[in-house]
C-alpha atoms as a PDB file:
ATOM      1  CA  MET A   1     -43.913 -54.372  26.991  1.00  0.00           C
ATOM      2  CA  THR A   2     -41.188 -51.778  26.674  1.00  0.00           C
ATOM      3  CA  ASN A   3     -41.213 -49.309  23.778  1.00  0.00           C
ATOM      4  CA  LYS A   4     -38.372 -51.252  22.161  1.00  0.00           C
ATOM      5  CA  GLN A   5     -40.337 -54.519  22.424  1.00  0.00           C
ATOM      6  CA  ILE A   6     -43.436 -52.832  20.995  1.00  0.00           C
ATOM      7  CA  GLY A   7     -41.343 -51.561  18.078  1.00  0.00           C
ATOM      8  CA  LYS A   8     -39.883 -55.002  17.349  1.00  0.00           C
ATOM      9  CA  TYR A   9     -43.313 -56.612  17.595  1.00  0.00           C
ATOM     10  CA  GLY A  10     -44.703 -54.013  15.199  1.00  0.00           C
ATOM     11  CA  GLU A  11     -41.912 -54.669  12.707  1.00  0.00           C
ATOM     12  CA  GLU A  12     -42.705 -58.398  12.757  1.00  0.00           C
ATOM     13  CA  LEU A  13     -46.398 -57.641  12.190  1.00  0.00           C
ATOM     14  CA  ALA A  14     -45.461 -55.296   9.337  1.00  0.00           C
ATOM     15  CA  LYS A  15     -43.221 -57.912   7.675  1.00  0.00           C
ATOM     16  CA  ASN A  16     -46.050 -60.465   7.741  1.00  0.00           C
ATOM     17  CA  PHE A  17     -48.502 -57.814   6.460  1.00  0.00           C
ATOM     18  CA  LEU A  18     -46.190 -57.042   3.522  1.00  0.00           C
ATOM     19  CA  ILE A  19     -45.462 -60.687   2.689  1.00  0.00           C
ATOM     20  CA  LYS A  20     -49.216 -61.357   2.495  1.00  0.00           C
ATOM     21  CA  LYS A  21     -49.455 -58.460   0.019  1.00  0.00           C
ATOM     22  CA  GLY A  22     -46.780 -59.983  -2.224  1.00  0.00           C
ATOM     23  CA  TYR A  23     -43.686 -58.085  -1.065  1.00  0.00           C
ATOM     24  CA  LYS A  24     -40.281 -59.748  -0.797  1.00  0.00           C
ATOM     25  CA  ILE A  25     -38.397 -58.599   2.304  1.00  0.00           C
ATOM     26  CA  LEU A  26     -34.783 -57.722   1.411  1.00  0.00           C
ATOM     27  CA  GLU A  27     -33.490 -56.089   4.604  1.00  0.00           C
ATOM     28  CA  THR A  28     -34.657 -55.186   8.080  1.00  0.00           C
ATOM     29  CA  ASN A  29     -33.198 -52.493  10.309  1.00  0.00           C
ATOM     30  CA  TYR A  30     -30.810 -51.295   7.613  1.00  0.00           C
ATOM     31  CA  ARG A  31     -28.424 -48.689   9.053  1.00  0.00           C
ATOM     32  CA  TYR A  32     -26.660 -45.883   7.230  1.00  0.00           C
ATOM     33  CA  SER A  33     -25.347 -44.209  10.390  1.00  0.00           C
ATOM     34  CA  LYS A  34     -26.076 -44.110  14.097  1.00  0.00           C
ATOM     35  CA  ILE A  35     -29.183 -42.039  13.454  1.00  0.00           C
ATOM     36  CA  ALA A  36     -30.335 -43.160   9.998  1.00  0.00           C
ATOM     37  CA  GLU A  37     -32.149 -46.475   9.785  1.00  0.00           C
ATOM     38  CA  ILE A  38     -34.820 -47.998   7.590  1.00  0.00           C
ATOM     39  CA  ASP A  39     -37.071 -50.526   9.297  1.00  0.00           C
ATOM     40  CA  ILE A  40     -37.864 -52.618   6.218  1.00  0.00           C
ATOM     41  CA  ILE A  41     -36.554 -52.656   2.665  1.00  0.00           C
ATOM     42  CA  ALA A  42     -38.758 -54.718   0.384  1.00  0.00           C
ATOM     43  CA  ARG A  43     -39.378 -55.334  -3.302  1.00  0.00           C
ATOM     44  CA  LYS A  44     -42.637 -55.745  -5.130  1.00  0.00           C
ATOM     45  CA  ASN A  45     -42.560 -56.173  -8.886  1.00  0.00           C
ATOM     46  CA  ASP A  46     -39.947 -53.686 -10.167  1.00  0.00           C
ATOM     47  CA  THR A  47     -40.240 -51.252  -7.238  1.00  0.00           C
ATOM     48  CA  LEU A  48     -37.985 -50.993  -4.205  1.00  0.00           C
ATOM     49  CA  HIS A  49     -39.840 -49.936  -1.033  1.00  0.00           C
ATOM     50  CA  PHE A  50     -38.222 -48.219   1.951  1.00  0.00           C
ATOM     51  CA  ILE A  51     -40.696 -48.705   4.790  1.00  0.00           C
ATOM     52  CA  GLU A  52     -40.918 -46.954   8.131  1.00  0.00           C
ATOM     53  CA  VAL A  53     -42.933 -48.807  10.770  1.00  0.00           C
ATOM     54  CA  LYS A  54     -44.502 -46.992  13.720  1.00  0.00           C
ATOM     55  CA  THR A  55     -46.332 -48.951  16.388  1.00  0.00           C
ATOM     56  CA  ARG A  56     -48.360 -47.503  19.240  1.00  0.00           C
ATOM     57  CA  LYS A  57     -50.537 -48.914  22.027  1.00  0.00           C
ATOM     58  CA  SER A  58     -53.051 -46.059  21.733  1.00  0.00           C
ATOM     59  CA  ASN A  59     -53.865 -42.917  19.789  1.00  0.00           C
ATOM     60  CA  LEU A  60     -53.665 -40.802  22.946  1.00  0.00           C
ATOM     61  CA  PHE A  61     -50.739 -38.785  21.577  1.00  0.00           C
ATOM     62  CA  GLY A  62     -51.691 -39.111  17.900  1.00  0.00           C
ATOM     63  CA  THR A  63     -51.795 -41.948  15.430  1.00  0.00           C
ATOM     64  CA  PRO A  64     -48.690 -43.987  14.653  1.00  0.00           C
ATOM     65  CA  ILE A  65     -48.484 -42.363  11.203  1.00  0.00           C
ATOM     66  CA  GLU A  66     -48.500 -38.898  12.762  1.00  0.00           C
ATOM     67  CA  ALA A  67     -45.328 -39.817  14.663  1.00  0.00           C
ATOM     68  CA  VAL A  68     -43.327 -39.791  11.416  1.00  0.00           C
ATOM     69  CA  ASN A  69     -42.086 -36.230  11.040  1.00  0.00           C
ATOM     70  CA  GLN A  70     -40.128 -34.509   8.275  1.00  0.00           C
ATOM     71  CA  THR A  71     -36.824 -35.068  10.075  1.00  0.00           C
ATOM     72  CA  LYS A  72     -37.459 -38.827  10.061  1.00  0.00           C
ATOM     73  CA  ILE A  73     -38.462 -38.743   6.390  1.00  0.00           C
ATOM     74  CA  ASN A  74     -35.236 -36.884   5.532  1.00  0.00           C
ATOM     75  CA  SER A  75     -33.271 -39.523   7.436  1.00  0.00           C
ATOM     76  CA  ILE A  76     -35.015 -42.299   5.471  1.00  0.00           C
ATOM     77  CA  ILE A  77     -34.252 -40.522   2.186  1.00  0.00           C
ATOM     78  CA  ALA A  78     -30.537 -40.256   3.077  1.00  0.00           C
ATOM     79  CA  CYS A  79     -30.430 -43.921   4.067  1.00  0.00           C
ATOM     80  CA  ALA A  80     -32.351 -44.977   0.931  1.00  0.00           C
ATOM     81  CA  ASN A  81     -29.929 -43.068  -1.305  1.00  0.00           C
ATOM     82  CA  PHE A  82     -26.990 -44.787   0.405  1.00  0.00           C
ATOM     83  CA  TYR A  83     -28.635 -48.200  -0.069  1.00  0.00           C
ATOM     84  CA  ILE A  84     -29.350 -47.580  -3.760  1.00  0.00           C
ATOM     85  CA  GLN A  85     -25.818 -46.317  -4.433  1.00  0.00           C
ATOM     86  CA  ASN A  86     -24.299 -49.395  -2.804  1.00  0.00           C
ATOM     87  CA  SER A  87     -26.696 -51.982  -4.206  1.00  0.00           C
ATOM     88  CA  LYS A  88     -25.490 -54.433  -6.809  1.00  0.00           C
ATOM     89  CA  GLN A  89     -29.071 -54.679  -8.055  1.00  0.00           C
ATOM     90  CA  TYR A  90     -30.658 -52.055 -10.318  1.00  0.00           C
ATOM     91  CA  TYR A  91     -34.161 -50.911  -9.414  1.00  0.00           C
ATOM     92  CA  LYS A  92     -36.248 -48.987 -11.911  1.00  0.00           C
ATOM     93  CA  ASN A  93     -38.493 -47.418  -9.258  1.00  0.00           C
ATOM     94  CA  PHE A  94     -38.299 -46.778  -5.554  1.00  0.00           C
ATOM     95  CA  GLN A  95     -40.511 -45.170  -2.953  1.00  0.00           C
ATOM     96  CA  ILE A  96     -40.954 -44.490   0.738  1.00  0.00           C
ATOM     97  CA  ASP A  97     -43.919 -46.030   2.548  1.00  0.00           C
ATOM     98  CA  ILE A  98     -45.149 -45.884   6.138  1.00  0.00           C
ATOM     99  CA  ILE A  99     -46.982 -48.576   8.063  1.00  0.00           C
ATOM    100  CA  GLY A 100     -48.726 -47.442  11.234  1.00  0.00           C
ATOM    101  CA  ILE A 101     -49.842 -50.161  13.619  1.00  0.00           C
ATOM    102  CA  LEU A 102     -52.148 -49.702  16.580  1.00  0.00           C
ATOM    103  CA  ILE A 103     -52.010 -52.559  19.087  1.00  0.00           C
ATOM    104  CA  GLU A 104     -54.623 -51.721  21.671  1.00  0.00           C
ATOM    105  CA  LYS A 105     -55.120 -54.232  24.474  1.00  0.00           C
ATOM    106  CA  ASP A 106     -57.541 -57.104  23.702  1.00  0.00           C
ATOM    107  CA  LYS A 107     -58.018 -55.973  20.075  1.00  0.00           C
ATOM    108  CA  LYS A 108     -56.636 -57.130  16.753  1.00  0.00           C
ATOM    109  CA  PRO A 109     -53.803 -54.923  15.467  1.00  0.00           C
ATOM    110  CA  GLU A 110     -54.991 -52.156  13.136  1.00  0.00           C
ATOM    111  CA  PHE A 111     -52.837 -51.294  10.115  1.00  0.00           C
ATOM    112  CA  GLU A 112     -52.630 -48.044   8.190  1.00  0.00           C
ATOM    113  CA  PHE A 113     -50.458 -48.241   5.064  1.00  0.00           C
ATOM    114  CA  LEU A 114     -49.395 -45.024   3.361  1.00  0.00           C
ATOM    115  CA  GLU A 115     -47.698 -45.802   0.078  1.00  0.00           C
ATOM    116  CA  ASN A 116     -45.288 -43.618  -1.824  1.00  0.00           C
ATOM    117  CA  ILE A 117     -45.174 -40.641   0.516  1.00  0.00           C
ATOM    118  CA  SER A 118     -42.143 -39.472  -1.442  1.00  0.00           C
ATOM    119  CA  ALA A 119     -44.159 -38.887  -4.631  1.00  0.00           C
ATOM    120  CA  ASN A 120     -44.169 -35.402  -6.080  1.00  0.00           C
END
């Protein structure tokens, strides 16, 4: 699998993971610009979730979660603000979450879900 295929596979796994947890998927691969994208936008109860998905085949170069740096988080925040400003729907709460997925050969995918990384 190419890195792009691994990423798409991980996003599908993440969508199914979220749906099983009661999330409603609103958007996937939402773009604000050429460099700003949010993998999944979902709603659960009265909260809007902007979710970054990172998928890796091994932890050799760090966990999937560790691959999300401050630059990426800033990009997600900019994209989330654009989405909220242009949404016809009002959301009382919103947050940024990260789903890390490890898909090692011959093993079940492992999920790590960090919720509300944008909390103060």
